[in-house]
Amino acid sequence: MTDKVAGPDGSALSEGLGPLVDELAKLARQQHYYCEDSWYTCPAHPEGTANEFKERGVCDCGADKHNAAVEALRERIAAALKGPSV
């Protein structure tokens, strides 16, 4: 493995780490909740919900919020690996 944690100036190097961060983010992402009884399925799930009181396509299971946090963290790590911008 050729990953380097820090360069001579102390900045993080992205050699080989970028794909690992992307893979970690992929593993951390959550699917929308699905239940055999579709009344309880998240409205944003591809199969939708049978609950007519829930707005179609709007996540109520927390997956969208969780995935947004995962993506924000992935972007912060990627930026840190690139080092300080000039």
C-alpha atoms as a PDB file:
ATOM      1  CA  MET A   1       0.000   0.000   0.000  1.00  0.00           C
ATOM      2  CA  THR A   2       1.388   3.398  -0.957  1.00  0.00           C
ATOM      3  CA  ASP A   3      -0.738   5.616   1.306  1.00  0.00           C
ATOM      4  CA  LYS A   4       1.155   8.449   2.926  1.00  0.00           C
ATOM      5  CA  VAL A   5      -0.241  10.106   5.992  1.00  0.00           C
ATOM      6  CA  ALA A   6       1.723  13.356   5.923  1.00  0.00           C
ATOM      7  CA  GLY A   7       4.048  15.168   3.582  1.00  0.00           C
ATOM      8  CA  PRO A   8       7.316  16.847   4.533  1.00  0.00           C
ATOM      9  CA  ASP A   9       5.434  20.034   5.473  1.00  0.00           C
ATOM     10  CA  GLY A  10       2.991  18.122   7.695  1.00  0.00           C
ATOM     11  CA  SER A  11       0.078  18.336   5.221  1.00  0.00           C
ATOM     12  CA  ALA A  12      -1.936  15.243   4.403  1.00  0.00           C
ATOM     13  CA  LEU A  13      -1.337  13.661   1.007  1.00  0.00           C
ATOM     14  CA  SER A  14      -4.162  12.124  -0.989  1.00  0.00           C
ATOM     15  CA  GLU A  15      -2.148   9.367  -2.685  1.00  0.00           C
ATOM     16  CA  GLY A  16      -4.370   6.321  -2.345  1.00  0.00           C
ATOM     17  CA  LEU A  17      -6.496   7.797   0.434  1.00  0.00           C
ATOM     18  CA  GLY A  18      -9.164   9.408  -1.782  1.00  0.00           C
ATOM     19  CA  PRO A  19     -10.574   6.082  -3.015  1.00  0.00           C
ATOM     20  CA  LEU A  20     -10.557   4.732   0.548  1.00  0.00           C
ATOM     21  CA  VAL A  21     -12.518   7.747   1.804  1.00  0.00           C
ATOM     22  CA  ASP A  22     -15.013   7.307  -1.060  1.00  0.00           C
ATOM     23  CA  GLU A  23     -15.438   3.616  -0.202  1.00  0.00           C
ATOM     24  CA  LEU A  24     -15.960   4.428   3.464  1.00  0.00           C
ATOM     25  CA  ALA A  25     -18.626   7.013   2.547  1.00  0.00           C
ATOM     26  CA  LYS A  26     -20.317   4.460   0.291  1.00  0.00           C
ATOM     27  CA  LEU A  27     -20.482   1.981   3.168  1.00  0.00           C
ATOM     28  CA  ALA A  28     -21.825   4.639   5.554  1.00  0.00           C
ATOM     29  CA  ARG A  29     -24.761   5.676   3.340  1.00  0.00           C
ATOM     30  CA  GLN A  30     -28.185   4.402   4.402  1.00  0.00           C
ATOM     31  CA  GLN A  31     -31.149   3.285   2.327  1.00  0.00           C
ATOM     32  CA  HIS A  32     -34.618   4.615   3.026  1.00  0.00           C
ATOM     33  CA  TYR A  33     -36.598   2.474   5.476  1.00  0.00           C
ATOM     34  CA  TYR A  34     -38.625  -0.334   3.911  1.00  0.00           C
ATOM     35  CA  CYS A  35     -41.259  -2.431   5.650  1.00  0.00           C
ATOM     36  CA  GLU A  36     -43.247  -5.334   4.236  1.00  0.00           C
ATOM     37  CA  ASP A  37     -46.312  -3.416   5.405  1.00  0.00           C
ATOM     38  CA  SER A  38     -45.860  -0.413   3.106  1.00  0.00           C
ATOM     39  CA  TRP A  39     -47.854   1.813   5.464  1.00  0.00           C
ATOM     40  CA  TYR A  40     -44.609   2.097   7.475  1.00  0.00           C
ATOM     41  CA  THR A  41     -42.198   2.439   4.529  1.00  0.00           C
ATOM     42  CA  CYS A  42     -40.410   5.763   4.119  1.00  0.00           C
ATOM     43  CA  PRO A  43     -42.135   7.862   1.438  1.00  0.00           C
ATOM     44  CA  ALA A  44     -38.726   8.452  -0.211  1.00  0.00           C
ATOM     45  CA  HIS A  45     -38.126   4.703  -0.656  1.00  0.00           C
ATOM     46  CA  PRO A  46     -38.363   3.709  -4.348  1.00  0.00           C
ATOM     47  CA  GLU A  47     -41.471   1.615  -3.595  1.00  0.00           C
ATOM     48  CA  GLY A  48     -43.095   4.499  -1.710  1.00  0.00           C
ATOM     49  CA  THR A  49     -45.577   4.246   1.136  1.00  0.00           C
ATOM     50  CA  ALA A  50     -49.244   3.294   1.376  1.00  0.00           C
ATOM     51  CA  ASN A  51     -49.766   5.980   4.022  1.00  0.00           C
ATOM     52  CA  GLU A  52     -51.726   8.711   2.234  1.00  0.00           C
ATOM     53  CA  PHE A  53     -51.020  11.124   5.096  1.00  0.00           C
ATOM     54  CA  LYS A  54     -47.294  11.207   4.284  1.00  0.00           C
ATOM     55  CA  GLU A  55     -45.972  13.486   1.535  1.00  0.00           C
ATOM     56  CA  ARG A  56     -44.733  11.424  -1.417  1.00  0.00           C
ATOM     57  CA  GLY A  57     -40.971  11.427  -1.921  1.00  0.00           C
ATOM     58  CA  VAL A  58     -40.180  13.180   1.370  1.00  0.00           C
ATOM     59  CA  CYS A  59     -37.872  11.210   3.662  1.00  0.00           C
ATOM     60  CA  ASP A  60     -39.159  10.622   7.182  1.00  0.00           C
ATOM     61  CA  CYS A  61     -36.768   7.847   8.205  1.00  0.00           C
ATOM     62  CA  GLY A  62     -33.646   9.981   8.630  1.00  0.00           C
ATOM     63  CA  ALA A  63     -31.710   8.517   5.688  1.00  0.00           C
ATOM     64  CA  ASP A  64     -31.525  11.826   3.793  1.00  0.00           C
ATOM     65  CA  LYS A  65     -30.209  13.673   6.856  1.00  0.00           C
ATOM     66  CA  HIS A  66     -27.731  10.888   7.643  1.00  0.00           C
ATOM     67  CA  ASN A  67     -26.496  10.697   4.039  1.00  0.00           C
ATOM     68  CA  ALA A  68     -26.074  14.477   3.875  1.00  0.00           C
ATOM     69  CA  ALA A  69     -23.871  14.293   6.985  1.00  0.00           C
ATOM     70  CA  VAL A  70     -21.852  11.443   5.435  1.00  0.00           C
ATOM     71  CA  GLU A  71     -21.320  13.471   2.251  1.00  0.00           C
ATOM     72  CA  ALA A  72     -20.347  16.607   4.184  1.00  0.00           C
ATOM     73  CA  LEU A  73     -17.787  14.624   6.167  1.00  0.00           C
ATOM     74  CA  ARG A  74     -16.431  12.984   2.995  1.00  0.00           C
ATOM     75  CA  GLU A  75     -15.981  16.427   1.416  1.00  0.00           C
ATOM     76  CA  ARG A  76     -14.205  17.767   4.524  1.00  0.00           C
ATOM     77  CA  ILE A  77     -11.805  14.802   4.551  1.00  0.00           C
ATOM     78  CA  ALA A  78     -11.165  15.150   0.802  1.00  0.00           C
ATOM     79  CA  ALA A  79     -10.394  18.846   1.246  1.00  0.00           C
ATOM     80  CA  ALA A  80      -8.046  18.099   4.143  1.00  0.00           C
ATOM     81  CA  LEU A  81      -6.217  15.494   2.063  1.00  0.00           C
ATOM     82  CA  LYS A  82      -5.610  18.075  -0.677  1.00  0.00           C
ATOM     83  CA  GLY A  83      -3.838  20.278   1.853  1.00  0.00           C
ATOM     84  CA  PRO A  84      -4.081  24.019   2.322  1.00  0.00           C
ATOM     85  CA  SER A  85      -5.345  25.971  -0.678  1.00  0.00           C
ATOM     86  CA  VAL A  86      -3.373  28.947  -1.909  1.00  0.00           C
END
